[in-house]
Amino acid sequence: MFILHDAPIGQTLKTLQKSKKWTQSYVAIQVQLHGSIMSRTTYAKIECGLGNIKASDLKILKQVFETSYEVLLGEESLHSEPN
């Protein structure tokens, strides 16, 4: 029997945000500029693991942070070199 655990998206987002020296409000604004209705509060809940993320918002966050799905889903290190 396998137990599936959620991907550590929240922690990854927090790490990406801090590495860019962005605030939660700045990230939320950037996501909104890409067409999402995500608020800062919603983003904060996702970071803390208390909120769910829509696939469309995950796609936008991938663009905003200029990263890959593998990094966002914790399948690849944030510091890995691209192939």
N, C-alpha and C. Protein backbone atom coordinates (compact mmCIF):
# COMPACT_ATOMS: atom_id res chain seq x y z
N MET A 1 0.84 -1.18 0.00
CA MET A 1 0.00 0.00 0.00
C MET A 1 0.88 1.24 0.00
N PHE A 2 0.58 2.16 -0.87
CA PHE A 2 1.33 3.40 -0.96
C PHE A 2 0.53 4.54 -0.36
N ILE A 3 1.21 5.40 0.36
CA ILE A 3 0.58 6.60 0.89
C ILE A 3 1.10 7.77 0.07
N LEU A 4 0.19 8.49 -0.54
CA LEU A 4 0.58 9.63 -1.35
C LEU A 4 0.60 10.88 -0.48
N HIS A 5 1.68 11.60 -0.56
CA HIS A 5 1.80 12.86 0.17
C HIS A 5 1.72 14.00 -0.83
N ASP A 6 1.16 15.10 -0.39
CA ASP A 6 1.11 16.27 -1.25
C ASP A 6 2.52 16.78 -1.50
N ALA A 7 2.71 17.36 -2.66
CA ALA A 7 4.00 17.97 -2.99
C ALA A 7 4.21 19.17 -2.08
N PRO A 8 5.46 19.46 -1.73
CA PRO A 8 5.76 20.58 -0.83
C PRO A 8 5.73 21.93 -1.55
N ILE A 9 4.64 22.19 -2.26
CA ILE A 9 4.55 23.40 -3.07
C ILE A 9 4.69 24.65 -2.22
N GLY A 10 4.04 24.68 -1.08
CA GLY A 10 4.09 25.87 -0.23
C GLY A 10 5.49 26.25 0.19
N GLN A 11 6.25 25.26 0.66
CA GLN A 11 7.62 25.54 1.08
C GLN A 11 8.48 25.95 -0.11
N THR A 12 8.24 25.32 -1.24
CA THR A 12 8.99 25.69 -2.45
C THR A 12 8.68 27.13 -2.85
N LEU A 13 7.41 27.51 -2.81
CA LEU A 13 7.04 28.88 -3.15
C LEU A 13 7.69 29.87 -2.19
N LYS A 14 7.68 29.55 -0.92
CA LYS A 14 8.29 30.43 0.08
C LYS A 14 9.79 30.58 -0.19
N THR A 15 10.46 29.49 -0.52
CA THR A 15 11.89 29.54 -0.82
C THR A 15 12.16 30.36 -2.07
N LEU A 16 11.37 30.15 -3.12
CA LEU A 16 11.53 30.93 -4.35
C LEU A 16 11.30 32.41 -4.10
N GLN A 17 10.25 32.71 -3.36
CA GLN A 17 9.91 34.10 -3.06
C GLN A 17 11.04 34.79 -2.30
N LYS A 18 11.55 34.12 -1.28
CA LYS A 18 12.62 34.72 -0.48
C LYS A 18 13.92 34.85 -1.27
N SER A 19 14.19 33.90 -2.17
CA SER A 19 15.41 33.98 -2.97
C SER A 19 15.38 35.18 -3.92
N LYS A 20 14.17 35.60 -4.31
CA LYS A 20 14.02 36.76 -5.19
C LYS A 20 13.79 38.05 -4.39
N LYS A 21 13.70 37.89 -3.04
CA LYS A 21 13.47 39.03 -2.15
C LYS A 21 12.14 39.73 -2.47
N TRP A 22 11.13 38.91 -2.78
CA TRP A 22 9.80 39.40 -3.06
C TRP A 22 8.92 39.24 -1.83
N THR A 23 7.91 40.07 -1.71
CA THR A 23 6.91 39.91 -0.66
C THR A 23 5.76 39.06 -1.19
N GLN A 24 4.93 38.57 -0.27
CA GLN A 24 3.74 37.84 -0.69
C GLN A 24 2.84 38.73 -1.53
N SER A 25 2.73 39.98 -1.16
CA SER A 25 1.89 40.92 -1.92
C SER A 25 2.40 41.08 -3.34
N TYR A 26 3.72 41.17 -3.50
CA TYR A 26 4.30 41.32 -4.83
C TYR A 26 4.00 40.09 -5.68
N VAL A 27 4.14 38.90 -5.10
CA VAL A 27 3.84 37.67 -5.84
C VAL A 27 2.37 37.66 -6.26
N ALA A 28 1.49 38.00 -5.32
CA ALA A 28 0.06 38.01 -5.64
C ALA A 28 -0.25 38.99 -6.77
N ILE A 29 0.36 40.15 -6.76
CA ILE A 29 0.15 41.13 -7.83
C ILE A 29 0.63 40.57 -9.16
N GLN A 30 1.80 39.94 -9.17
CA GLN A 30 2.34 39.37 -10.40
C GLN A 30 1.40 38.28 -10.95
N VAL A 31 0.88 37.46 -10.06
CA VAL A 31 -0.06 36.40 -10.47
C VAL A 31 -1.33 37.02 -11.04
N GLN A 32 -1.81 38.08 -10.40
CA GLN A 32 -3.01 38.76 -10.88
C GLN A 32 -2.78 39.39 -12.26
N LEU A 33 -1.59 39.91 -12.48
CA LEU A 33 -1.26 40.50 -13.78
C LEU A 33 -1.27 39.45 -14.89
N HIS A 34 -1.13 38.18 -14.51
CA HIS A 34 -1.18 37.07 -15.48
C HIS A 34 -2.59 36.51 -15.61
N GLY A 35 -3.59 37.14 -14.96
CA GLY A 35 -4.97 36.75 -15.15
C GLY A 35 -5.63 35.98 -14.02
N SER A 36 -4.94 35.77 -12.93
CA SER A 36 -5.52 35.05 -11.79
C SER A 36 -6.25 36.03 -10.87
N ILE A 37 -7.14 35.49 -10.04
CA ILE A 37 -7.79 36.31 -9.03
C ILE A 37 -7.22 36.00 -7.63
N MET A 38 -6.07 35.34 -7.57
CA MET A 38 -5.46 34.96 -6.30
C MET A 38 -5.11 36.20 -5.48
N SER A 39 -5.53 36.19 -4.23
CA SER A 39 -5.21 37.29 -3.31
C SER A 39 -3.93 36.97 -2.54
N ARG A 40 -3.41 37.96 -1.84
CA ARG A 40 -2.24 37.72 -1.00
C ARG A 40 -2.57 36.71 0.08
N THR A 41 -3.77 36.80 0.64
CA THR A 41 -4.20 35.87 1.68
C THR A 41 -4.23 34.43 1.16
N THR A 42 -4.76 34.25 -0.02
CA THR A 42 -4.80 32.92 -0.62
C THR A 42 -3.39 32.40 -0.86
N TYR A 43 -2.52 33.26 -1.38
CA TYR A 43 -1.13 32.86 -1.61
C TYR A 43 -0.47 32.47 -0.28
N ALA A 44 -0.70 33.24 0.78
CA ALA A 44 -0.12 32.95 2.09
C ALA A 44 -0.60 31.59 2.60
N LYS A 45 -1.89 31.29 2.39
CA LYS A 45 -2.42 29.99 2.82
C LYS A 45 -1.77 28.85 2.07
N ILE A 46 -1.52 29.03 0.78
CA ILE A 46 -0.84 28.01 -0.02
C ILE A 46 0.57 27.81 0.50
N GLU A 47 1.28 28.90 0.78
CA GLU A 47 2.64 28.81 1.32
C GLU A 47 2.67 28.03 2.63
N CYS A 48 1.67 28.24 3.47
CA CYS A 48 1.63 27.60 4.79
C CYS A 48 1.07 26.18 4.74
N GLY A 49 0.62 25.75 3.57
CA GLY A 49 0.04 24.43 3.45
C GLY A 49 -1.40 24.35 3.91
N LEU A 50 -2.04 25.49 4.07
CA LEU A 50 -3.43 25.53 4.54
C LEU A 50 -4.43 25.73 3.41
N GLY A 51 -3.94 25.99 2.21
CA GLY A 51 -4.83 26.24 1.08
C GLY A 51 -4.45 25.39 -0.12
N ASN A 52 -5.41 25.13 -0.94
CA ASN A 52 -5.18 24.38 -2.18
C ASN A 52 -4.83 25.35 -3.30
N ILE A 53 -4.19 24.81 -4.32
CA ILE A 53 -3.81 25.64 -5.46
C ILE A 53 -4.48 25.09 -6.71
N LYS A 54 -5.03 25.99 -7.50
CA LYS A 54 -5.64 25.60 -8.78
C LYS A 54 -4.52 25.35 -9.79
N ALA A 55 -4.78 24.44 -10.70
CA ALA A 55 -3.80 24.13 -11.75
C ALA A 55 -3.45 25.38 -12.56
N SER A 56 -4.43 26.22 -12.82
CA SER A 56 -4.17 27.44 -13.59
C SER A 56 -3.24 28.39 -12.83
N ASP A 57 -3.39 28.45 -11.50
CA ASP A 57 -2.50 29.29 -10.70
C ASP A 57 -1.10 28.70 -10.61
N LEU A 58 -1.01 27.37 -10.58
CA LEU A 58 0.30 26.72 -10.58
C LEU A 58 1.05 27.06 -11.87
N LYS A 59 0.32 27.05 -12.97
CA LYS A 59 0.92 27.39 -14.27
C LYS A 59 1.42 28.83 -14.26
N ILE A 60 0.63 29.73 -13.71
CA ILE A 60 1.03 31.13 -13.64
C ILE A 60 2.24 31.32 -12.71
N LEU A 61 2.24 30.65 -11.56
CA LEU A 61 3.38 30.76 -10.64
C LEU A 61 4.65 30.22 -11.28
N LYS A 62 4.53 29.19 -12.09
CA LYS A 62 5.69 28.67 -12.84
C LYS A 62 6.27 29.77 -13.72
N GLN A 63 5.40 30.54 -14.37
CA GLN A 63 5.84 31.63 -15.23
C GLN A 63 6.42 32.78 -14.41
N VAL A 64 5.73 33.15 -13.34
CA VAL A 64 6.17 34.27 -12.52
C VAL A 64 7.56 34.00 -11.93
N PHE A 65 7.76 32.79 -11.41
CA PHE A 65 9.05 32.45 -10.80
C PHE A 65 10.07 31.95 -11.81
N GLU A 66 9.66 31.83 -13.09
CA GLU A 66 10.56 31.35 -14.14
C GLU A 66 11.24 30.06 -13.73
N THR A 67 10.42 29.07 -13.39
CA THR A 67 10.93 27.79 -12.94
C THR A 67 10.17 26.67 -13.64
N SER A 68 10.42 25.44 -13.23
CA SER A 68 9.77 24.29 -13.85
C SER A 68 8.74 23.69 -12.92
N TYR A 69 7.86 22.87 -13.48
CA TYR A 69 6.90 22.16 -12.65
C TYR A 69 7.62 21.21 -11.70
N GLU A 70 8.72 20.62 -12.17
CA GLU A 70 9.48 19.69 -11.33
C GLU A 70 9.98 20.38 -10.06
N VAL A 71 10.44 21.62 -10.20
CA VAL A 71 10.88 22.38 -9.03
C VAL A 71 9.69 22.70 -8.14
N LEU A 72 8.61 23.20 -8.71
CA LEU A 72 7.43 23.57 -7.92
C LEU A 72 6.86 22.38 -7.16
N LEU A 73 6.91 21.20 -7.77
CA LEU A 73 6.35 20.01 -7.14
C LEU A 73 7.35 19.29 -6.24
N GLY A 74 8.55 19.83 -6.11
CA GLY A 74 9.55 19.24 -5.23
C GLY A 74 10.22 18.02 -5.79
N GLU A 75 10.10 17.80 -7.10
CA GLU A 75 10.72 16.64 -7.73
C GLU A 75 12.14 16.93 -8.18
N GLU A 76 12.51 18.18 -8.15
CA GLU A 76 13.84 18.62 -8.58
C GLU A 76 14.29 19.72 -7.64
N SER A 77 15.58 19.73 -7.35
CA SER A 77 16.13 20.73 -6.45
C SER A 77 16.02 22.13 -7.06
N LEU A 78 15.86 23.12 -6.20
CA LEU A 78 15.82 24.50 -6.67
C LEU A 78 17.14 24.93 -7.28
N HIS A 79 18.20 24.26 -6.90
CA HIS A 79 19.53 24.66 -7.34
C HIS A 79 20.11 23.74 -8.41
N SER A 80 19.28 22.88 -8.99
CA SER A 80 19.73 21.98 -10.05
C SER A 80 20.00 22.75 -11.32
N GLU A 81 20.98 22.29 -12.04
CA GLU A 81 21.28 22.90 -13.34
C GLU A 81 20.33 22.31 -14.37
N PRO A 82 19.76 23.12 -15.23
CA PRO A 82 18.87 22.58 -16.28
C PRO A 82 19.66 21.74 -17.27
N ASN A 83 19.00 20.71 -17.82
CA ASN A 83 19.65 19.83 -18.80
C ASN A 83 19.61 20.44 -20.18
